[in-house]
Amino acid sequence: DMAGRLAAQYHGGYWLFYALSNGG
C-alpha cells in the first residue's frame, strides 16, 4: 500500500526479498 501511495505508477507485481548482513 505504501509503495502505491509513494509512486502512482506502481500497480503491484512480484517483490524480491532481501536479508541484510546485520539481521535486517
PDBML (XML) file of the C-alpha atoms, coordinates in Angstrom:
<?xml version="1.0" encoding="UTF-8" ?>
<PDBx:datablock datablockName="MODEL"
   xmlns:PDBx="http://pdbml.pdb.org/schema/pdbx-v50.xsd"
   xmlns:xsi="http://www.w3.org/2001/XMLSchema-instance"
   xsi:schemaLocation="http://pdbml.pdb.org/schema/pdbx-v50.xsd pdbx-v50.xsd">
   <PDBx:atom_siteCategory>
      <PDBx:atom_site id="1">
         <PDBx:B_iso_or_equiv>0.00</PDBx:B_iso_or_equiv>
         <PDBx:Cartn_x>0.000</PDBx:Cartn_x>
         <PDBx:Cartn_y>0.000</PDBx:Cartn_y>
         <PDBx:Cartn_z>0.000</PDBx:Cartn_z>
         <PDBx:auth_asym_id>A</PDBx:auth_asym_id>
         <PDBx:auth_atom_id>CA</PDBx:auth_atom_id>
         <PDBx:auth_comp_id>ASP</PDBx:auth_comp_id>
         <PDBx:auth_seq_id>1</PDBx:auth_seq_id>
         <PDBx:group_PDB>ATOM</PDBx:group_PDB>
         <PDBx:label_alt_id xsi:nil="true" />
         <PDBx:label_asym_id>A</PDBx:label_asym_id>
         <PDBx:label_atom_id>CA</PDBx:label_atom_id>
         <PDBx:label_comp_id>ASP</PDBx:label_comp_id>
         <PDBx:label_entity_id>1</PDBx:label_entity_id>
         <PDBx:label_seq_id>1</PDBx:label_seq_id>
         <PDBx:occupancy>1.00</PDBx:occupancy>
         <PDBx:pdbx_PDB_model_num>1</PDBx:pdbx_PDB_model_num>
         <PDBx:type_symbol>C</PDBx:type_symbol>
      </PDBx:atom_site>
      <PDBx:atom_site id="2">
         <PDBx:B_iso_or_equiv>0.00</PDBx:B_iso_or_equiv>
         <PDBx:Cartn_x>2.773</PDBx:Cartn_x>
         <PDBx:Cartn_y>2.434</PDBx:Cartn_y>
         <PDBx:Cartn_z>0.885</PDBx:Cartn_z>
         <PDBx:auth_asym_id>A</PDBx:auth_asym_id>
         <PDBx:auth_atom_id>CA</PDBx:auth_atom_id>
         <PDBx:auth_comp_id>MET</PDBx:auth_comp_id>
         <PDBx:auth_seq_id>2</PDBx:auth_seq_id>
         <PDBx:group_PDB>ATOM</PDBx:group_PDB>
         <PDBx:label_alt_id xsi:nil="true" />
         <PDBx:label_asym_id>A</PDBx:label_asym_id>
         <PDBx:label_atom_id>CA</PDBx:label_atom_id>
         <PDBx:label_comp_id>MET</PDBx:label_comp_id>
         <PDBx:label_entity_id>1</PDBx:label_entity_id>
         <PDBx:label_seq_id>2</PDBx:label_seq_id>
         <PDBx:occupancy>1.00</PDBx:occupancy>
         <PDBx:pdbx_PDB_model_num>1</PDBx:pdbx_PDB_model_num>
         <PDBx:type_symbol>C</PDBx:type_symbol>
      </PDBx:atom_site>
      <PDBx:atom_site id="3">
         <PDBx:B_iso_or_equiv>0.00</PDBx:B_iso_or_equiv>
         <PDBx:Cartn_x>4.551</PDBx:Cartn_x>
         <PDBx:Cartn_y>1.789</PDBx:Cartn_y>
         <PDBx:Cartn_z>-2.423</PDBx:Cartn_z>
         <PDBx:auth_asym_id>A</PDBx:auth_asym_id>
         <PDBx:auth_atom_id>CA</PDBx:auth_atom_id>
         <PDBx:auth_comp_id>ALA</PDBx:auth_comp_id>
         <PDBx:auth_seq_id>3</PDBx:auth_seq_id>
         <PDBx:group_PDB>ATOM</PDBx:group_PDB>
         <PDBx:label_alt_id xsi:nil="true" />
         <PDBx:label_asym_id>A</PDBx:label_asym_id>
         <PDBx:label_atom_id>CA</PDBx:label_atom_id>
         <PDBx:label_comp_id>ALA</PDBx:label_comp_id>
         <PDBx:label_entity_id>1</PDBx:label_entity_id>
         <PDBx:label_seq_id>3</PDBx:label_seq_id>
         <PDBx:occupancy>1.00</PDBx:occupancy>
         <PDBx:pdbx_PDB_model_num>1</PDBx:pdbx_PDB_model_num>
         <PDBx:type_symbol>C</PDBx:type_symbol>
      </PDBx:atom_site>
      <PDBx:atom_site id="4">
         <PDBx:B_iso_or_equiv>0.00</PDBx:B_iso_or_equiv>
         <PDBx:Cartn_x>1.351</PDBx:Cartn_x>
         <PDBx:Cartn_y>2.722</PDBx:Cartn_y>
         <PDBx:Cartn_z>-4.242</PDBx:Cartn_z>
         <PDBx:auth_asym_id>A</PDBx:auth_asym_id>
         <PDBx:auth_atom_id>CA</PDBx:auth_atom_id>
         <PDBx:auth_comp_id>GLY</PDBx:auth_comp_id>
         <PDBx:auth_seq_id>4</PDBx:auth_seq_id>
         <PDBx:group_PDB>ATOM</PDBx:group_PDB>
         <PDBx:label_alt_id xsi:nil="true" />
         <PDBx:label_asym_id>A</PDBx:label_asym_id>
         <PDBx:label_atom_id>CA</PDBx:label_atom_id>
         <PDBx:label_comp_id>GLY</PDBx:label_comp_id>
         <PDBx:label_entity_id>1</PDBx:label_entity_id>
         <PDBx:label_seq_id>4</PDBx:label_seq_id>
         <PDBx:occupancy>1.00</PDBx:occupancy>
         <PDBx:pdbx_PDB_model_num>1</PDBx:pdbx_PDB_model_num>
         <PDBx:type_symbol>C</PDBx:type_symbol>
      </PDBx:atom_site>
      <PDBx:atom_site id="5">
         <PDBx:B_iso_or_equiv>0.00</PDBx:B_iso_or_equiv>
         <PDBx:Cartn_x>0.936</PDBx:Cartn_x>
         <PDBx:Cartn_y>5.858</PDBx:Cartn_y>
         <PDBx:Cartn_z>-2.173</PDBx:Cartn_z>
         <PDBx:auth_asym_id>A</PDBx:auth_asym_id>
         <PDBx:auth_atom_id>CA</PDBx:auth_atom_id>
         <PDBx:auth_comp_id>ARG</PDBx:auth_comp_id>
         <PDBx:auth_seq_id>5</PDBx:auth_seq_id>
         <PDBx:group_PDB>ATOM</PDBx:group_PDB>
         <PDBx:label_alt_id xsi:nil="true" />
         <PDBx:label_asym_id>A</PDBx:label_asym_id>
         <PDBx:label_atom_id>CA</PDBx:label_atom_id>
         <PDBx:label_comp_id>ARG</PDBx:label_comp_id>
         <PDBx:label_entity_id>1</PDBx:label_entity_id>
         <PDBx:label_seq_id>5</PDBx:label_seq_id>
         <PDBx:occupancy>1.00</PDBx:occupancy>
         <PDBx:pdbx_PDB_model_num>1</PDBx:pdbx_PDB_model_num>
         <PDBx:type_symbol>C</PDBx:type_symbol>
      </PDBx:atom_site>
      <PDBx:atom_site id="6">
         <PDBx:B_iso_or_equiv>0.00</PDBx:B_iso_or_equiv>
         <PDBx:Cartn_x>4.519</PDBx:Cartn_x>
         <PDBx:Cartn_y>6.935</PDBx:Cartn_y>
         <PDBx:Cartn_z>-2.869</PDBx:Cartn_z>
         <PDBx:auth_asym_id>A</PDBx:auth_asym_id>
         <PDBx:auth_atom_id>CA</PDBx:auth_atom_id>
         <PDBx:auth_comp_id>LEU</PDBx:auth_comp_id>
         <PDBx:auth_seq_id>6</PDBx:auth_seq_id>
         <PDBx:group_PDB>ATOM</PDBx:group_PDB>
         <PDBx:label_alt_id xsi:nil="true" />
         <PDBx:label_asym_id>A</PDBx:label_asym_id>
         <PDBx:label_atom_id>CA</PDBx:label_atom_id>
         <PDBx:label_comp_id>LEU</PDBx:label_comp_id>
         <PDBx:label_entity_id>1</PDBx:label_entity_id>
         <PDBx:label_seq_id>6</PDBx:label_seq_id>
         <PDBx:occupancy>1.00</PDBx:occupancy>
         <PDBx:pdbx_PDB_model_num>1</PDBx:pdbx_PDB_model_num>
         <PDBx:type_symbol>C</PDBx:type_symbol>
      </PDBx:atom_site>
      <PDBx:atom_site id="7">
         <PDBx:B_iso_or_equiv>0.00</PDBx:B_iso_or_equiv>
         <PDBx:Cartn_x>4.543</PDBx:Cartn_x>
         <PDBx:Cartn_y>6.072</PDBx:Cartn_y>
         <PDBx:Cartn_z>-6.579</PDBx:Cartn_z>
         <PDBx:auth_asym_id>A</PDBx:auth_asym_id>
         <PDBx:auth_atom_id>CA</PDBx:auth_atom_id>
         <PDBx:auth_comp_id>ALA</PDBx:auth_comp_id>
         <PDBx:auth_seq_id>7</PDBx:auth_seq_id>
         <PDBx:group_PDB>ATOM</PDBx:group_PDB>
         <PDBx:label_alt_id xsi:nil="true" />
         <PDBx:label_asym_id>A</PDBx:label_asym_id>
         <PDBx:label_atom_id>CA</PDBx:label_atom_id>
         <PDBx:label_comp_id>ALA</PDBx:label_comp_id>
         <PDBx:label_entity_id>1</PDBx:label_entity_id>
         <PDBx:label_seq_id>7</PDBx:label_seq_id>
         <PDBx:occupancy>1.00</PDBx:occupancy>
         <PDBx:pdbx_PDB_model_num>1</PDBx:pdbx_PDB_model_num>
         <PDBx:type_symbol>C</PDBx:type_symbol>
      </PDBx:atom_site>
      <PDBx:atom_site id="8">
         <PDBx:B_iso_or_equiv>0.00</PDBx:B_iso_or_equiv>
         <PDBx:Cartn_x>1.282</PDBx:Cartn_x>
         <PDBx:Cartn_y>6.431</PDBx:Cartn_y>
         <PDBx:Cartn_z>-8.518</PDBx:Cartn_z>
         <PDBx:auth_asym_id>A</PDBx:auth_asym_id>
         <PDBx:auth_atom_id>CA</PDBx:auth_atom_id>
         <PDBx:auth_comp_id>ALA</PDBx:auth_comp_id>
         <PDBx:auth_seq_id>8</PDBx:auth_seq_id>
         <PDBx:group_PDB>ATOM</PDBx:group_PDB>
         <PDBx:label_alt_id xsi:nil="true" />
         <PDBx:label_asym_id>A</PDBx:label_asym_id>
         <PDBx:label_atom_id>CA</PDBx:label_atom_id>
         <PDBx:label_comp_id>ALA</PDBx:label_comp_id>
         <PDBx:label_entity_id>1</PDBx:label_entity_id>
         <PDBx:label_seq_id>8</PDBx:label_seq_id>
         <PDBx:occupancy>1.00</PDBx:occupancy>
         <PDBx:pdbx_PDB_model_num>1</PDBx:pdbx_PDB_model_num>
         <PDBx:type_symbol>C</PDBx:type_symbol>
      </PDBx:atom_site>
      <PDBx:atom_site id="9">
         <PDBx:B_iso_or_equiv>0.00</PDBx:B_iso_or_equiv>
         <PDBx:Cartn_x>2.656</PDBx:Cartn_x>
         <PDBx:Cartn_y>4.288</PDBx:Cartn_y>
         <PDBx:Cartn_z>-11.348</PDBx:Cartn_z>
         <PDBx:auth_asym_id>A</PDBx:auth_asym_id>
         <PDBx:auth_atom_id>CA</PDBx:auth_atom_id>
         <PDBx:auth_comp_id>GLN</PDBx:auth_comp_id>
         <PDBx:auth_seq_id>9</PDBx:auth_seq_id>
         <PDBx:group_PDB>ATOM</PDBx:group_PDB>
         <PDBx:label_alt_id xsi:nil="true" />
         <PDBx:label_asym_id>A</PDBx:label_asym_id>
         <PDBx:label_atom_id>CA</PDBx:label_atom_id>
         <PDBx:label_comp_id>GLN</PDBx:label_comp_id>
         <PDBx:label_entity_id>1</PDBx:label_entity_id>
         <PDBx:label_seq_id>9</PDBx:label_seq_id>
         <PDBx:occupancy>1.00</PDBx:occupancy>
         <PDBx:pdbx_PDB_model_num>1</PDBx:pdbx_PDB_model_num>
         <PDBx:type_symbol>C</PDBx:type_symbol>
      </PDBx:atom_site>
      <PDBx:atom_site id="10">
         <PDBx:B_iso_or_equiv>0.00</PDBx:B_iso_or_equiv>
         <PDBx:Cartn_x>3.194</PDBx:Cartn_x>
         <PDBx:Cartn_y>1.305</PDBx:Cartn_y>
         <PDBx:Cartn_z>-9.025</PDBx:Cartn_z>
         <PDBx:auth_asym_id>A</PDBx:auth_asym_id>
         <PDBx:auth_atom_id>CA</PDBx:auth_atom_id>
         <PDBx:auth_comp_id>TYR</PDBx:auth_comp_id>
         <PDBx:auth_seq_id>10</PDBx:auth_seq_id>
         <PDBx:group_PDB>ATOM</PDBx:group_PDB>
         <PDBx:label_alt_id xsi:nil="true" />
         <PDBx:label_asym_id>A</PDBx:label_asym_id>
         <PDBx:label_atom_id>CA</PDBx:label_atom_id>
         <PDBx:label_comp_id>TYR</PDBx:label_comp_id>
         <PDBx:label_entity_id>1</PDBx:label_entity_id>
         <PDBx:label_seq_id>10</PDBx:label_seq_id>
         <PDBx:occupancy>1.00</PDBx:occupancy>
         <PDBx:pdbx_PDB_model_num>1</PDBx:pdbx_PDB_model_num>
         <PDBx:type_symbol>C</PDBx:type_symbol>
      </PDBx:atom_site>
      <PDBx:atom_site id="11">
         <PDBx:B_iso_or_equiv>0.00</PDBx:B_iso_or_equiv>
         <PDBx:Cartn_x>0.355</PDBx:Cartn_x>
         <PDBx:Cartn_y>-1.164</PDBx:Cartn_y>
         <PDBx:Cartn_z>-9.575</PDBx:Cartn_z>
         <PDBx:auth_asym_id>A</PDBx:auth_asym_id>
         <PDBx:auth_atom_id>CA</PDBx:auth_atom_id>
         <PDBx:auth_comp_id>HIS</PDBx:auth_comp_id>
         <PDBx:auth_seq_id>11</PDBx:auth_seq_id>
         <PDBx:group_PDB>ATOM</PDBx:group_PDB>
         <PDBx:label_alt_id xsi:nil="true" />
         <PDBx:label_asym_id>A</PDBx:label_asym_id>
         <PDBx:label_atom_id>CA</PDBx:label_atom_id>
         <PDBx:label_comp_id>HIS</PDBx:label_comp_id>
         <PDBx:label_entity_id>1</PDBx:label_entity_id>
         <PDBx:label_seq_id>11</PDBx:label_seq_id>
         <PDBx:occupancy>1.00</PDBx:occupancy>
         <PDBx:pdbx_PDB_model_num>1</PDBx:pdbx_PDB_model_num>
         <PDBx:type_symbol>C</PDBx:type_symbol>
      </PDBx:atom_site>
      <PDBx:atom_site id="12">
         <PDBx:B_iso_or_equiv>0.00</PDBx:B_iso_or_equiv>
         <PDBx:Cartn_x>1.563</PDBx:Cartn_x>
         <PDBx:Cartn_y>-4.356</PDBx:Cartn_y>
         <PDBx:Cartn_z>-7.940</PDBx:Cartn_z>
         <PDBx:auth_asym_id>A</PDBx:auth_asym_id>
         <PDBx:auth_atom_id>CA</PDBx:auth_atom_id>
         <PDBx:auth_comp_id>GLY</PDBx:auth_comp_id>
         <PDBx:auth_seq_id>12</PDBx:auth_seq_id>
         <PDBx:group_PDB>ATOM</PDBx:group_PDB>
         <PDBx:label_alt_id xsi:nil="true" />
         <PDBx:label_asym_id>A</PDBx:label_asym_id>
         <PDBx:label_atom_id>CA</PDBx:label_atom_id>
         <PDBx:label_comp_id>GLY</PDBx:label_comp_id>
         <PDBx:label_entity_id>1</PDBx:label_entity_id>
         <PDBx:label_seq_id>12</PDBx:label_seq_id>
         <PDBx:occupancy>1.00</PDBx:occupancy>
         <PDBx:pdbx_PDB_model_num>1</PDBx:pdbx_PDB_model_num>
         <PDBx:type_symbol>C</PDBx:type_symbol>
      </PDBx:atom_site>
      <PDBx:atom_site id="13">
         <PDBx:B_iso_or_equiv>0.00</PDBx:B_iso_or_equiv>
         <PDBx:Cartn_x>3.817</PDBx:Cartn_x>
         <PDBx:Cartn_y>-7.142</PDBx:Cartn_y>
         <PDBx:Cartn_z>-9.070</PDBx:Cartn_z>
         <PDBx:auth_asym_id>A</PDBx:auth_asym_id>
         <PDBx:auth_atom_id>CA</PDBx:auth_atom_id>
         <PDBx:auth_comp_id>GLY</PDBx:auth_comp_id>
         <PDBx:auth_seq_id>13</PDBx:auth_seq_id>
         <PDBx:group_PDB>ATOM</PDBx:group_PDB>
         <PDBx:label_alt_id xsi:nil="true" />
         <PDBx:label_asym_id>A</PDBx:label_asym_id>
         <PDBx:label_atom_id>CA</PDBx:label_atom_id>
         <PDBx:label_comp_id>GLY</PDBx:label_comp_id>
         <PDBx:label_entity_id>1</PDBx:label_entity_id>
         <PDBx:label_seq_id>13</PDBx:label_seq_id>
         <PDBx:occupancy>1.00</PDBx:occupancy>
         <PDBx:pdbx_PDB_model_num>1</PDBx:pdbx_PDB_model_num>
         <PDBx:type_symbol>C</PDBx:type_symbol>
      </PDBx:atom_site>
      <PDBx:atom_site id="14">
         <PDBx:B_iso_or_equiv>0.00</PDBx:B_iso_or_equiv>
         <PDBx:Cartn_x>6.338</PDBx:Cartn_x>
         <PDBx:Cartn_y>-9.606</PDBx:Cartn_y>
         <PDBx:Cartn_z>-7.729</PDBx:Cartn_z>
         <PDBx:auth_asym_id>A</PDBx:auth_asym_id>
         <PDBx:auth_atom_id>CA</PDBx:auth_atom_id>
         <PDBx:auth_comp_id>TYR</PDBx:auth_comp_id>
         <PDBx:auth_seq_id>14</PDBx:auth_seq_id>
         <PDBx:group_PDB>ATOM</PDBx:group_PDB>
         <PDBx:label_alt_id xsi:nil="true" />
         <PDBx:label_asym_id>A</PDBx:label_asym_id>
         <PDBx:label_atom_id>CA</PDBx:label_atom_id>
         <PDBx:label_comp_id>TYR</PDBx:label_comp_id>
         <PDBx:label_entity_id>1</PDBx:label_entity_id>
         <PDBx:label_seq_id>14</PDBx:label_seq_id>
         <PDBx:occupancy>1.00</PDBx:occupancy>
         <PDBx:pdbx_PDB_model_num>1</PDBx:pdbx_PDB_model_num>
         <PDBx:type_symbol>C</PDBx:type_symbol>
      </PDBx:atom_site>
      <PDBx:atom_site id="15">
         <PDBx:B_iso_or_equiv>0.00</PDBx:B_iso_or_equiv>
         <PDBx:Cartn_x>8.610</PDBx:Cartn_x>
         <PDBx:Cartn_y>-8.401</PDBx:Cartn_y>
         <PDBx:Cartn_z>-4.929</PDBx:Cartn_z>
         <PDBx:auth_asym_id>A</PDBx:auth_asym_id>
         <PDBx:auth_atom_id>CA</PDBx:auth_atom_id>
         <PDBx:auth_comp_id>TRP</PDBx:auth_comp_id>
         <PDBx:auth_seq_id>15</PDBx:auth_seq_id>
         <PDBx:group_PDB>ATOM</PDBx:group_PDB>
         <PDBx:label_alt_id xsi:nil="true" />
         <PDBx:label_asym_id>A</PDBx:label_asym_id>
         <PDBx:label_atom_id>CA</PDBx:label_atom_id>
         <PDBx:label_comp_id>TRP</PDBx:label_comp_id>
         <PDBx:label_entity_id>1</PDBx:label_entity_id>
         <PDBx:label_seq_id>15</PDBx:label_seq_id>
         <PDBx:occupancy>1.00</PDBx:occupancy>
         <PDBx:pdbx_PDB_model_num>1</PDBx:pdbx_PDB_model_num>
         <PDBx:type_symbol>C</PDBx:type_symbol>
      </PDBx:atom_site>
      <PDBx:atom_site id="16">
         <PDBx:B_iso_or_equiv>0.00</PDBx:B_iso_or_equiv>
         <PDBx:Cartn_x>12.133</PDBx:Cartn_x>
         <PDBx:Cartn_y>-9.536</PDBx:Cartn_y>
         <PDBx:Cartn_z>-4.129</PDBx:Cartn_z>
         <PDBx:auth_asym_id>A</PDBx:auth_asym_id>
         <PDBx:auth_atom_id>CA</PDBx:auth_atom_id>
         <PDBx:auth_comp_id>LEU</PDBx:auth_comp_id>
         <PDBx:auth_seq_id>16</PDBx:auth_seq_id>
         <PDBx:group_PDB>ATOM</PDBx:group_PDB>
         <PDBx:label_alt_id xsi:nil="true" />
         <PDBx:label_asym_id>A</PDBx:label_asym_id>
         <PDBx:label_atom_id>CA</PDBx:label_atom_id>
         <PDBx:label_comp_id>LEU</PDBx:label_comp_id>
         <PDBx:label_entity_id>1</PDBx:label_entity_id>
         <PDBx:label_seq_id>16</PDBx:label_seq_id>
         <PDBx:occupancy>1.00</PDBx:occupancy>
         <PDBx:pdbx_PDB_model_num>1</PDBx:pdbx_PDB_model_num>
         <PDBx:type_symbol>C</PDBx:type_symbol>
      </PDBx:atom_site>
      <PDBx:atom_site id="17">
         <PDBx:B_iso_or_equiv>0.00</PDBx:B_iso_or_equiv>
         <PDBx:Cartn_x>13.073</PDBx:Cartn_x>
         <PDBx:Cartn_y>-10.218</PDBx:Cartn_y>
         <PDBx:Cartn_z>-0.501</PDBx:Cartn_z>
         <PDBx:auth_asym_id>A</PDBx:auth_asym_id>
         <PDBx:auth_atom_id>CA</PDBx:auth_atom_id>
         <PDBx:auth_comp_id>PHE</PDBx:auth_comp_id>
         <PDBx:auth_seq_id>17</PDBx:auth_seq_id>
         <PDBx:group_PDB>ATOM</PDBx:group_PDB>
         <PDBx:label_alt_id xsi:nil="true" />
         <PDBx:label_asym_id>A</PDBx:label_asym_id>
         <PDBx:label_atom_id>CA</PDBx:label_atom_id>
         <PDBx:label_comp_id>PHE</PDBx:label_comp_id>
         <PDBx:label_entity_id>1</PDBx:label_entity_id>
         <PDBx:label_seq_id>17</PDBx:label_seq_id>
         <PDBx:occupancy>1.00</PDBx:occupancy>
         <PDBx:pdbx_PDB_model_num>1</PDBx:pdbx_PDB_model_num>
         <PDBx:type_symbol>C</PDBx:type_symbol>
      </PDBx:atom_site>
      <PDBx:atom_site id="18">
         <PDBx:B_iso_or_equiv>0.00</PDBx:B_iso_or_equiv>
         <PDBx:Cartn_x>16.480</PDBx:Cartn_x>
         <PDBx:Cartn_y>-9.285</PDBx:Cartn_y>
         <PDBx:Cartn_z>0.881</PDBx:Cartn_z>
         <PDBx:auth_asym_id>A</PDBx:auth_asym_id>
         <PDBx:auth_atom_id>CA</PDBx:auth_atom_id>
         <PDBx:auth_comp_id>TYR</PDBx:auth_comp_id>
         <PDBx:auth_seq_id>18</PDBx:auth_seq_id>
         <PDBx:group_PDB>ATOM</PDBx:group_PDB>
         <PDBx:label_alt_id xsi:nil="true" />
         <PDBx:label_asym_id>A</PDBx:label_asym_id>
         <PDBx:label_atom_id>CA</PDBx:label_atom_id>
         <PDBx:label_comp_id>TYR</PDBx:label_comp_id>
         <PDBx:label_entity_id>1</PDBx:label_entity_id>
         <PDBx:label_seq_id>18</PDBx:label_seq_id>
         <PDBx:occupancy>1.00</PDBx:occupancy>
         <PDBx:pdbx_PDB_model_num>1</PDBx:pdbx_PDB_model_num>
         <PDBx:type_symbol>C</PDBx:type_symbol>
      </PDBx:atom_site>
      <PDBx:atom_site id="19">
         <PDBx:B_iso_or_equiv>0.00</PDBx:B_iso_or_equiv>
         <PDBx:Cartn_x>18.229</PDBx:Cartn_x>
         <PDBx:Cartn_y>-10.454</PDBx:Cartn_y>
         <PDBx:Cartn_z>4.049</PDBx:Cartn_z>
         <PDBx:auth_asym_id>A</PDBx:auth_asym_id>
         <PDBx:auth_atom_id>CA</PDBx:auth_atom_id>
         <PDBx:auth_comp_id>ALA</PDBx:auth_comp_id>
         <PDBx:auth_seq_id>19</PDBx:auth_seq_id>
         <PDBx:group_PDB>ATOM</PDBx:group_PDB>
         <PDBx:label_alt_id xsi:nil="true" />
         <PDBx:label_asym_id>A</PDBx:label_asym_id>
         <PDBx:label_atom_id>CA</PDBx:label_atom_id>
         <PDBx:label_comp_id>ALA</PDBx:label_comp_id>
         <PDBx:label_entity_id>1</PDBx:label_entity_id>
         <PDBx:label_seq_id>19</PDBx:label_seq_id>
         <PDBx:occupancy>1.00</PDBx:occupancy>
         <PDBx:pdbx_PDB_model_num>1</PDBx:pdbx_PDB_model_num>
         <PDBx:type_symbol>C</PDBx:type_symbol>
      </PDBx:atom_site>
      <PDBx:atom_site id="20">
         <PDBx:B_iso_or_equiv>0.00</PDBx:B_iso_or_equiv>
         <PDBx:Cartn_x>20.763</PDBx:Cartn_x>
         <PDBx:Cartn_y>-7.977</PDBx:Cartn_y>
         <PDBx:Cartn_z>5.376</PDBx:Cartn_z>
         <PDBx:auth_asym_id>A</PDBx:auth_asym_id>
         <PDBx:auth_atom_id>CA</PDBx:auth_atom_id>
         <PDBx:auth_comp_id>LEU</PDBx:auth_comp_id>
         <PDBx:auth_seq_id>20</PDBx:auth_seq_id>
         <PDBx:group_PDB>ATOM</PDBx:group_PDB>
         <PDBx:label_alt_id xsi:nil="true" />
         <PDBx:label_asym_id>A</PDBx:label_asym_id>
         <PDBx:label_atom_id>CA</PDBx:label_atom_id>
         <PDBx:label_comp_id>LEU</PDBx:label_comp_id>
         <PDBx:label_entity_id>1</PDBx:label_entity_id>
         <PDBx:label_seq_id>20</PDBx:label_seq_id>
         <PDBx:occupancy>1.00</PDBx:occupancy>
         <PDBx:pdbx_PDB_model_num>1</PDBx:pdbx_PDB_model_num>
         <PDBx:type_symbol>C</PDBx:type_symbol>
      </PDBx:atom_site>
      <PDBx:atom_site id="21">
         <PDBx:B_iso_or_equiv>0.00</PDBx:B_iso_or_equiv>
         <PDBx:Cartn_x>24.070</PDBx:Cartn_x>
         <PDBx:Cartn_y>-8.990</PDBx:Cartn_y>
         <PDBx:Cartn_z>6.927</PDBx:Cartn_z>
         <PDBx:auth_asym_id>A</PDBx:auth_asym_id>
         <PDBx:auth_atom_id>CA</PDBx:auth_atom_id>
         <PDBx:auth_comp_id>SER</PDBx:auth_comp_id>
         <PDBx:auth_seq_id>21</PDBx:auth_seq_id>
         <PDBx:group_PDB>ATOM</PDBx:group_PDB>
         <PDBx:label_alt_id xsi:nil="true" />
         <PDBx:label_asym_id>A</PDBx:label_asym_id>
         <PDBx:label_atom_id>CA</PDBx:label_atom_id>
         <PDBx:label_comp_id>SER</PDBx:label_comp_id>
         <PDBx:label_entity_id>1</PDBx:label_entity_id>
         <PDBx:label_seq_id>21</PDBx:label_seq_id>
         <PDBx:occupancy>1.00</PDBx:occupancy>
         <PDBx:pdbx_PDB_model_num>1</PDBx:pdbx_PDB_model_num>
         <PDBx:type_symbol>C</PDBx:type_symbol>
      </PDBx:atom_site>
      <PDBx:atom_site id="22">
         <PDBx:B_iso_or_equiv>0.00</PDBx:B_iso_or_equiv>
         <PDBx:Cartn_x>23.132</PDBx:Cartn_x>
         <PDBx:Cartn_y>-7.114</PDBx:Cartn_y>
         <PDBx:Cartn_z>10.119</PDBx:Cartn_z>
         <PDBx:auth_asym_id>A</PDBx:auth_asym_id>
         <PDBx:auth_atom_id>CA</PDBx:auth_atom_id>
         <PDBx:auth_comp_id>ASN</PDBx:auth_comp_id>
         <PDBx:auth_seq_id>22</PDBx:auth_seq_id>
         <PDBx:group_PDB>ATOM</PDBx:group_PDB>
         <PDBx:label_alt_id xsi:nil="true" />
         <PDBx:label_asym_id>A</PDBx:label_asym_id>
         <PDBx:label_atom_id>CA</PDBx:label_atom_id>
         <PDBx:label_comp_id>ASN</PDBx:label_comp_id>
         <PDBx:label_entity_id>1</PDBx:label_entity_id>
         <PDBx:label_seq_id>22</PDBx:label_seq_id>
         <PDBx:occupancy>1.00</PDBx:occupancy>
         <PDBx:pdbx_PDB_model_num>1</PDBx:pdbx_PDB_model_num>
         <PDBx:type_symbol>C</PDBx:type_symbol>
      </PDBx:atom_site>
      <PDBx:atom_site id="23">
         <PDBx:B_iso_or_equiv>0.00</PDBx:B_iso_or_equiv>
         <PDBx:Cartn_x>19.912</PDBx:Cartn_x>
         <PDBx:Cartn_y>-9.126</PDBx:Cartn_y>
         <PDBx:Cartn_z>10.566</PDBx:Cartn_z>
         <PDBx:auth_asym_id>A</PDBx:auth_asym_id>
         <PDBx:auth_atom_id>CA</PDBx:auth_atom_id>
         <PDBx:auth_comp_id>GLY</PDBx:auth_comp_id>
         <PDBx:auth_seq_id>23</PDBx:auth_seq_id>
         <PDBx:group_PDB>ATOM</PDBx:group_PDB>
         <PDBx:label_alt_id xsi:nil="true" />
         <PDBx:label_asym_id>A</PDBx:label_asym_id>
         <PDBx:label_atom_id>CA</PDBx:label_atom_id>
         <PDBx:label_comp_id>GLY</PDBx:label_comp_id>
         <PDBx:label_entity_id>1</PDBx:label_entity_id>
         <PDBx:label_seq_id>23</PDBx:label_seq_id>
         <PDBx:occupancy>1.00</PDBx:occupancy>
         <PDBx:pdbx_PDB_model_num>1</PDBx:pdbx_PDB_model_num>
         <PDBx:type_symbol>C</PDBx:type_symbol>
      </PDBx:atom_site>
      <PDBx:atom_site id="24">
         <PDBx:B_iso_or_equiv>0.00</PDBx:B_iso_or_equiv>
         <PDBx:Cartn_x>17.675</PDBx:Cartn_x>
         <PDBx:Cartn_y>-6.665</PDBx:Cartn_y>
         <PDBx:Cartn_z>8.742</PDBx:Cartn_z>
         <PDBx:auth_asym_id>A</PDBx:auth_asym_id>
         <PDBx:auth_atom_id>CA</PDBx:auth_atom_id>
         <PDBx:auth_comp_id>GLY</PDBx:auth_comp_id>
         <PDBx:auth_seq_id>24</PDBx:auth_seq_id>
         <PDBx:group_PDB>ATOM</PDBx:group_PDB>
         <PDBx:label_alt_id xsi:nil="true" />
         <PDBx:label_asym_id>A</PDBx:label_asym_id>
         <PDBx:label_atom_id>CA</PDBx:label_atom_id>
         <PDBx:label_comp_id>GLY</PDBx:label_comp_id>
         <PDBx:label_entity_id>1</PDBx:label_entity_id>
         <PDBx:label_seq_id>24</PDBx:label_seq_id>
         <PDBx:occupancy>1.00</PDBx:occupancy>
         <PDBx:pdbx_PDB_model_num>1</PDBx:pdbx_PDB_model_num>
         <PDBx:type_symbol>C</PDBx:type_symbol>
      </PDBx:atom_site>
   </PDBx:atom_siteCategory>
</PDBx:datablock>
